[in-house]
Amino acid sequence: MSQVVAAVLRDLRDEYEELDRLLADATDETWARGTSAPRWSVAHQVAHLAWTDRAALLAVTDPDTFATEAAKALATPETFVDEAATEWARMPPATLLAYWREGRELLLTALESAPVDSRFPWYGPPMGIASMASARLMETWAHGQDVADALGSARVPTARLRHIAHIGVRTRDHAHRLRGLTPPAAPFRIELT
């Protein structure tokens, strides 16, 4: 495993654990609390993470089955994310938390044991190990922030955010092309503080 992959997997684990600590003493009332995402509670946020971690696990371990599931999801692009979150948020909080914990551990193990040059299908372009782990870190951080805000908890930004910035830098030209735009030719500089 490369040092880059090892670092992002370690940071993904740390991001998971930070959110887990926020949820450690959550009551049923806490899980039902609304977040900044319209119609999404704390339970919806965690349900979304659990569902997308399981989707990523499927992409890593069974790409053909993932492709079938992704096609079903992409048939309703405006609703499939909300529908999955709503369905999974119906689980009792303790069950949902256990399911999220189990799924993220299975995903980390699968990513750690994948061949270094692996490419996994996704809802967009295929991703390598570092990109998949960075995308999971981004989701966990963003939805974790929604949870923290709902709980009134302050979070301190960490160096783990560098992986999210890296995705933005690496995909800048691709994002322009997806929208029919010509990527800027001039080089750019990113500095994180």
C-alpha atoms as a PDB file:
ATOM      1  CA  MET A   1       0.000   0.000   0.000  1.00  0.00           C
ATOM      2  CA  SER A   2       1.368   3.418  -0.910  1.00  0.00           C
ATOM      3  CA  GLN A   3       1.959   6.073   1.724  1.00  0.00           C
ATOM      4  CA  VAL A   4      -0.728   8.262   0.135  1.00  0.00           C
ATOM      5  CA  VAL A   5      -3.343   5.486   0.313  1.00  0.00           C
ATOM      6  CA  ALA A   6      -2.338   4.586   3.876  1.00  0.00           C
ATOM      7  CA  ALA A   7      -2.620   8.251   4.924  1.00  0.00           C
ATOM      8  CA  VAL A   8      -6.075   8.806   3.433  1.00  0.00           C
ATOM      9  CA  LEU A   9      -7.381   5.528   4.896  1.00  0.00           C
ATOM     10  CA  ARG A  10      -6.043   6.507   8.322  1.00  0.00           C
ATOM     11  CA  ASP A  11      -7.654   9.939   8.003  1.00  0.00           C
ATOM     12  CA  LEU A  12     -10.939   8.383   6.865  1.00  0.00           C
ATOM     13  CA  ARG A  13     -10.935   6.164   9.957  1.00  0.00           C
ATOM     14  CA  ASP A  14     -10.270   9.231  12.134  1.00  0.00           C
ATOM     15  CA  GLU A  15     -13.115  11.147  10.476  1.00  0.00           C
ATOM     16  CA  TYR A  16     -15.497   8.240  11.070  1.00  0.00           C
ATOM     17  CA  GLU A  17     -14.423   8.081  14.706  1.00  0.00           C
ATOM     18  CA  GLU A  18     -14.892  11.824  15.231  1.00  0.00           C
ATOM     19  CA  LEU A  19     -18.495  11.612  14.063  1.00  0.00           C
ATOM     20  CA  ASP A  20     -19.010   8.459  16.103  1.00  0.00           C
ATOM     21  CA  ARG A  21     -17.923  10.337  19.246  1.00  0.00           C
ATOM     22  CA  LEU A  22     -20.529  13.031  18.517  1.00  0.00           C
ATOM     23  CA  LEU A  23     -23.195  10.322  18.409  1.00  0.00           C
ATOM     24  CA  ALA A  24     -21.995   8.364  21.443  1.00  0.00           C
ATOM     25  CA  ASP A  25     -24.506   9.842  23.901  1.00  0.00           C
ATOM     26  CA  ALA A  26     -27.261  10.675  21.426  1.00  0.00           C
ATOM     27  CA  THR A  27     -30.792  10.051  22.609  1.00  0.00           C
ATOM     28  CA  ASP A  28     -33.761   9.150  20.408  1.00  0.00           C
ATOM     29  CA  GLU A  29     -34.667  12.842  20.575  1.00  0.00           C
ATOM     30  CA  THR A  30     -31.189  13.759  19.318  1.00  0.00           C
ATOM     31  CA  TRP A  31     -31.479  11.354  16.380  1.00  0.00           C
ATOM     32  CA  ALA A  32     -34.810  12.962  15.423  1.00  0.00           C
ATOM     33  CA  ARG A  33     -33.421  16.510  15.571  1.00  0.00           C
ATOM     34  CA  GLY A  34     -33.537  18.416  12.278  1.00  0.00           C
ATOM     35  CA  THR A  35     -30.364  19.431  10.454  1.00  0.00           C
ATOM     36  CA  SER A  36     -29.597  22.154   7.935  1.00  0.00           C
ATOM     37  CA  ALA A  37     -30.541  19.796   5.101  1.00  0.00           C
ATOM     38  CA  PRO A  38     -34.268  20.270   4.455  1.00  0.00           C
ATOM     39  CA  ARG A  39     -36.318  17.363   5.854  1.00  0.00           C
ATOM     40  CA  TRP A  40     -33.187  15.536   7.080  1.00  0.00           C
ATOM     41  CA  SER A  41     -32.720  14.651  10.730  1.00  0.00           C
ATOM     42  CA  VAL A  42     -29.532  13.475  12.412  1.00  0.00           C
ATOM     43  CA  ALA A  43     -30.772   9.951  11.636  1.00  0.00           C
ATOM     44  CA  HIS A  44     -31.059  10.839   7.922  1.00  0.00           C
ATOM     45  CA  GLN A  45     -27.470  12.099   7.905  1.00  0.00           C
ATOM     46  CA  VAL A  46     -26.135   8.879   9.440  1.00  0.00           C
ATOM     47  CA  ALA A  47     -28.461   6.764   7.290  1.00  0.00           C
ATOM     48  CA  HIS A  48     -27.070   8.450   4.188  1.00  0.00           C
ATOM     49  CA  LEU A  49     -23.516   7.725   5.308  1.00  0.00           C
ATOM     50  CA  ALA A  50     -24.374   4.111   6.118  1.00  0.00           C
ATOM     51  CA  TRP A  51     -26.059   3.658   2.737  1.00  0.00           C
ATOM     52  CA  THR A  52     -23.241   5.270   0.743  1.00  0.00           C
ATOM     53  CA  ASP A  53     -20.567   3.362   2.685  1.00  0.00           C
ATOM     54  CA  ARG A  54     -22.426   0.136   1.813  1.00  0.00           C
ATOM     55  CA  ALA A  55     -22.685   1.261  -1.824  1.00  0.00           C
ATOM     56  CA  ALA A  56     -18.926   1.921  -1.838  1.00  0.00           C
ATOM     57  CA  LEU A  57     -18.322  -1.498  -0.272  1.00  0.00           C
ATOM     58  CA  LEU A  58     -20.376  -3.085  -3.026  1.00  0.00           C
ATOM     59  CA  ALA A  59     -18.431  -1.134  -5.680  1.00  0.00           C
ATOM     60  CA  VAL A  60     -15.158  -2.400  -4.196  1.00  0.00           C
ATOM     61  CA  THR A  61     -16.173  -6.022  -3.616  1.00  0.00           C
ATOM     62  CA  ASP A  62     -18.824  -6.743  -6.281  1.00  0.00           C
ATOM     63  CA  PRO A  63     -18.665  -4.236  -9.166  1.00  0.00           C
ATOM     64  CA  ASP A  64     -21.272  -6.073 -11.267  1.00  0.00           C
ATOM     65  CA  THR A  65     -23.900  -5.989  -8.536  1.00  0.00           C
ATOM     66  CA  PHE A  66     -22.977  -2.369  -7.820  1.00  0.00           C
ATOM     67  CA  ALA A  67     -23.562  -1.521 -11.500  1.00  0.00           C
ATOM     68  CA  THR A  68     -27.052  -3.016 -11.308  1.00  0.00           C
ATOM     69  CA  GLU A  69     -27.860  -1.091  -8.115  1.00  0.00           C
ATOM     70  CA  ALA A  70     -26.356   2.128  -9.497  1.00  0.00           C
ATOM     71  CA  ALA A  71     -28.484   1.847 -12.643  1.00  0.00           C
ATOM     72  CA  LYS A  72     -31.614   1.531 -10.474  1.00  0.00           C
ATOM     73  CA  ALA A  73     -30.582   4.553  -8.430  1.00  0.00           C
ATOM     74  CA  LEU A  74     -29.661   6.657 -11.436  1.00  0.00           C
ATOM     75  CA  ALA A  75     -33.053   5.944 -13.008  1.00  0.00           C
ATOM     76  CA  THR A  76     -34.450   8.391 -10.421  1.00  0.00           C
ATOM     77  CA  PRO A  77     -31.587  10.885  -9.997  1.00  0.00           C
ATOM     78  CA  GLU A  78     -33.709  13.552  -8.310  1.00  0.00           C
ATOM     79  CA  THR A  79     -35.010  11.275  -5.555  1.00  0.00           C
ATOM     80  CA  PHE A  80     -32.843   8.217  -4.944  1.00  0.00           C
ATOM     81  CA  VAL A  81     -30.594   9.856  -2.329  1.00  0.00           C
ATOM     82  CA  ASP A  82     -33.504  11.163  -0.255  1.00  0.00           C
ATOM     83  CA  GLU A  83     -35.439   7.916  -0.632  1.00  0.00           C
ATOM     84  CA  ALA A  84     -32.539   5.809   0.620  1.00  0.00           C
ATOM     85  CA  ALA A  85     -31.842   8.152   3.536  1.00  0.00           C
ATOM     86  CA  THR A  86     -35.500   8.180   4.523  1.00  0.00           C
ATOM     87  CA  GLU A  87     -35.795   4.399   4.333  1.00  0.00           C
ATOM     88  CA  TRP A  88     -32.643   3.759   6.358  1.00  0.00           C
ATOM     89  CA  ALA A  89     -33.458   6.512   8.886  1.00  0.00           C
ATOM     90  CA  ARG A  90     -36.489   4.456   9.934  1.00  0.00           C
ATOM     91  CA  MET A  91     -34.161   2.000  11.692  1.00  0.00           C
ATOM     92  CA  PRO A  92     -34.018   2.342  15.465  1.00  0.00           C
ATOM     93  CA  PRO A  93     -31.057   4.620  16.277  1.00  0.00           C
ATOM     94  CA  ALA A  94     -29.007   1.880  17.961  1.00  0.00           C
ATOM     95  CA  THR A  95     -29.515  -0.414  14.967  1.00  0.00           C
ATOM     96  CA  LEU A  96     -28.610   2.320  12.491  1.00  0.00           C
ATOM     97  CA  LEU A  97     -25.479   3.246  14.442  1.00  0.00           C
ATOM     98  CA  ALA A  98     -24.376  -0.403  14.609  1.00  0.00           C
ATOM     99  CA  TYR A  99     -25.064  -0.857  10.894  1.00  0.00           C
ATOM    100  CA  TRP A 100     -23.056   2.254  10.015  1.00  0.00           C
ATOM    101  CA  ARG A 101     -20.162   1.121  12.220  1.00  0.00           C
ATOM    102  CA  GLU A 102     -20.137  -2.340  10.677  1.00  0.00           C
ATOM    103  CA  GLY A 103     -20.349  -1.035   7.104  1.00  0.00           C
ATOM    104  CA  ARG A 104     -17.553   1.468   7.496  1.00  0.00           C
ATOM    105  CA  GLU A 105     -15.251  -1.189   9.002  1.00  0.00           C
ATOM    106  CA  LEU A 106     -16.032  -3.567   6.143  1.00  0.00           C
ATOM    107  CA  LEU A 107     -15.311  -0.775   3.646  1.00  0.00           C
ATOM    108  CA  LEU A 108     -12.016   0.164   5.290  1.00  0.00           C
ATOM    109  CA  THR A 109     -10.936  -3.486   5.294  1.00  0.00           C
ATOM    110  CA  ALA A 110     -11.897  -3.903   1.632  1.00  0.00           C
ATOM    111  CA  LEU A 111     -10.021  -0.749   0.619  1.00  0.00           C
ATOM    112  CA  GLU A 112      -6.961  -1.756   2.659  1.00  0.00           C
ATOM    113  CA  SER A 113      -6.801  -5.148   0.962  1.00  0.00           C
ATOM    114  CA  ALA A 114      -7.585  -4.022  -2.610  1.00  0.00           C
ATOM    115  CA  PRO A 115      -4.770  -4.178  -5.172  1.00  0.00           C
ATOM    116  CA  VAL A 116      -2.999  -0.825  -5.298  1.00  0.00           C
ATOM    117  CA  ASP A 117      -3.998  -0.154  -8.920  1.00  0.00           C
ATOM    118  CA  SER A 118      -7.698  -0.934  -8.398  1.00  0.00           C
ATOM    119  CA  ARG A 119     -10.423   1.146 -10.048  1.00  0.00           C
ATOM    120  CA  PHE A 120     -13.948   1.005  -8.672  1.00  0.00           C
ATOM    121  CA  PRO A 121     -17.182   1.969 -10.413  1.00  0.00           C
ATOM    122  CA  TRP A 122     -19.192   4.785  -8.898  1.00  0.00           C
ATOM    123  CA  TYR A 123     -22.122   7.046  -9.724  1.00  0.00           C
ATOM    124  CA  GLY A 124     -19.666   9.209 -11.650  1.00  0.00           C
ATOM    125  CA  PRO A 125     -16.310   8.222 -13.086  1.00  0.00           C
ATOM    126  CA  PRO A 126     -14.493   5.168 -11.648  1.00  0.00           C
ATOM    127  CA  MET A 127     -12.188   5.840  -8.704  1.00  0.00           C
ATOM    128  CA  GLY A 128      -8.979   4.415  -7.305  1.00  0.00           C
ATOM    129  CA  ILE A 129      -8.494   3.576  -3.639  1.00  0.00           C
ATOM    130  CA  ALA A 130      -7.293   7.028  -2.581  1.00  0.00           C
ATOM    131  CA  SER A 131     -10.097   8.777  -4.475  1.00  0.00           C
ATOM    132  CA  MET A 132     -12.786   6.465  -3.063  1.00  0.00           C
ATOM    133  CA  ALA A 133     -11.456   6.942   0.471  1.00  0.00           C
ATOM    134  CA  SER A 134     -11.210  10.726  -0.046  1.00  0.00           C
ATOM    135  CA  ALA A 135     -14.778  10.829  -1.328  1.00  0.00           C
ATOM    136  CA  ARG A 136     -15.956   8.885   1.738  1.00  0.00           C
ATOM    137  CA  LEU A 137     -13.988  11.265   3.957  1.00  0.00           C
ATOM    138  CA  MET A 138     -15.626  14.247   2.249  1.00  0.00           C
ATOM    139  CA  GLU A 139     -19.107  12.790   2.772  1.00  0.00           C
ATOM    140  CA  THR A 140     -18.382  11.919   6.388  1.00  0.00           C
ATOM    141  CA  TRP A 141     -16.948  15.346   7.119  1.00  0.00           C
ATOM    142  CA  ALA A 142     -19.805  17.228   5.408  1.00  0.00           C
ATOM    143  CA  HIS A 143     -22.625  15.191   6.947  1.00  0.00           C
ATOM    144  CA  GLY A 144     -20.739  15.132  10.237  1.00  0.00           C
ATOM    145  CA  GLN A 145     -20.778  18.925  10.183  1.00  0.00           C
ATOM    146  CA  ASP A 146     -24.542  18.877   9.697  1.00  0.00           C
ATOM    147  CA  VAL A 147     -24.821  16.562  12.710  1.00  0.00           C
ATOM    148  CA  ALA A 148     -22.474  18.730  14.801  1.00  0.00           C
ATOM    149  CA  ASP A 149     -24.469  21.855  13.926  1.00  0.00           C
ATOM    150  CA  ALA A 150     -27.731  20.141  14.909  1.00  0.00           C
ATOM    151  CA  LEU A 151     -26.178  19.103  18.221  1.00  0.00           C
ATOM    152  CA  GLY A 152     -24.663  22.531  18.861  1.00  0.00           C
ATOM    153  CA  SER A 153     -21.160  21.023  18.863  1.00  0.00           C
ATOM    154  CA  ALA A 154     -18.153  22.984  17.649  1.00  0.00           C
ATOM    155  CA  ARG A 155     -15.709  21.099  15.452  1.00  0.00           C
ATOM    156  CA  VAL A 156     -12.108  22.082  14.886  1.00  0.00           C
ATOM    157  CA  PRO A 157     -10.980  21.765  11.248  1.00  0.00           C
ATOM    158  CA  THR A 158      -8.217  19.198  10.853  1.00  0.00           C
ATOM    159  CA  ALA A 159      -5.516  18.475   8.306  1.00  0.00           C
ATOM    160  CA  ARG A 160      -7.780  15.653   7.077  1.00  0.00           C
ATOM    161  CA  LEU A 161      -9.557  18.287   4.998  1.00  0.00           C
ATOM    162  CA  ARG A 162      -6.542  18.381   2.665  1.00  0.00           C
ATOM    163  CA  HIS A 163      -7.874  15.230   0.965  1.00  0.00           C
ATOM    164  CA  ILE A 164     -11.138  16.997   0.163  1.00  0.00           C
ATOM    165  CA  ALA A 165      -9.277  19.984  -1.267  1.00  0.00           C
ATOM    166  CA  HIS A 166      -7.157  17.578  -3.307  1.00  0.00           C
ATOM    167  CA  ILE A 167     -10.313  16.135  -4.910  1.00  0.00           C
ATOM    168  CA  GLY A 168     -11.391  19.652  -5.883  1.00  0.00           C
ATOM    169  CA  VAL A 169      -8.031  20.455  -7.422  1.00  0.00           C
ATOM    170  CA  ARG A 170      -7.752  17.136  -9.276  1.00  0.00           C
ATOM    171  CA  THR A 171     -11.263  17.308 -10.698  1.00  0.00           C
ATOM    172  CA  ARG A 172     -11.356  20.998 -11.671  1.00  0.00           C
ATOM    173  CA  ASP A 173     -10.908  20.393 -15.401  1.00  0.00           C
ATOM    174  CA  HIS A 174     -13.287  17.423 -15.391  1.00  0.00           C
ATOM    175  CA  ALA A 175     -15.969  19.519 -13.672  1.00  0.00           C
ATOM    176  CA  HIS A 176     -15.675  22.173 -16.372  1.00  0.00           C
ATOM    177  CA  ARG A 177     -15.919  19.583 -19.165  1.00  0.00           C
ATOM    178  CA  LEU A 178     -18.995  17.958 -17.582  1.00  0.00           C
ATOM    179  CA  ARG A 179     -20.761  21.281 -17.914  1.00  0.00           C
ATOM    180  CA  GLY A 180     -19.645  21.853 -21.496  1.00  0.00           C
ATOM    181  CA  LEU A 181     -17.102  24.480 -20.449  1.00  0.00           C
ATOM    182  CA  THR A 182     -13.474  24.821 -21.427  1.00  0.00           C
ATOM    183  CA  PRO A 183     -11.233  24.453 -18.378  1.00  0.00           C
ATOM    184  CA  PRO A 184      -9.110  27.522 -17.622  1.00  0.00           C
ATOM    185  CA  ALA A 185      -5.661  27.189 -19.164  1.00  0.00           C
ATOM    186  CA  ALA A 186      -3.927  29.276 -16.514  1.00  0.00           C
ATOM    187  CA  PRO A 187      -2.348  27.415 -13.624  1.00  0.00           C
ATOM    188  CA  PHE A 188      -3.824  27.992 -10.206  1.00  0.00           C
ATOM    189  CA  ARG A 189      -2.601  27.822  -6.657  1.00  0.00           C
ATOM    190  CA  ILE A 190      -4.472  26.491  -3.644  1.00  0.00           C
ATOM    191  CA  GLU A 191      -3.401  27.229  -0.098  1.00  0.00           C
ATOM    192  CA  LEU A 192      -5.132  25.763   2.939  1.00  0.00           C
ATOM    193  CA  THR A 193      -4.776  27.475   6.291  1.00  0.00           C
END
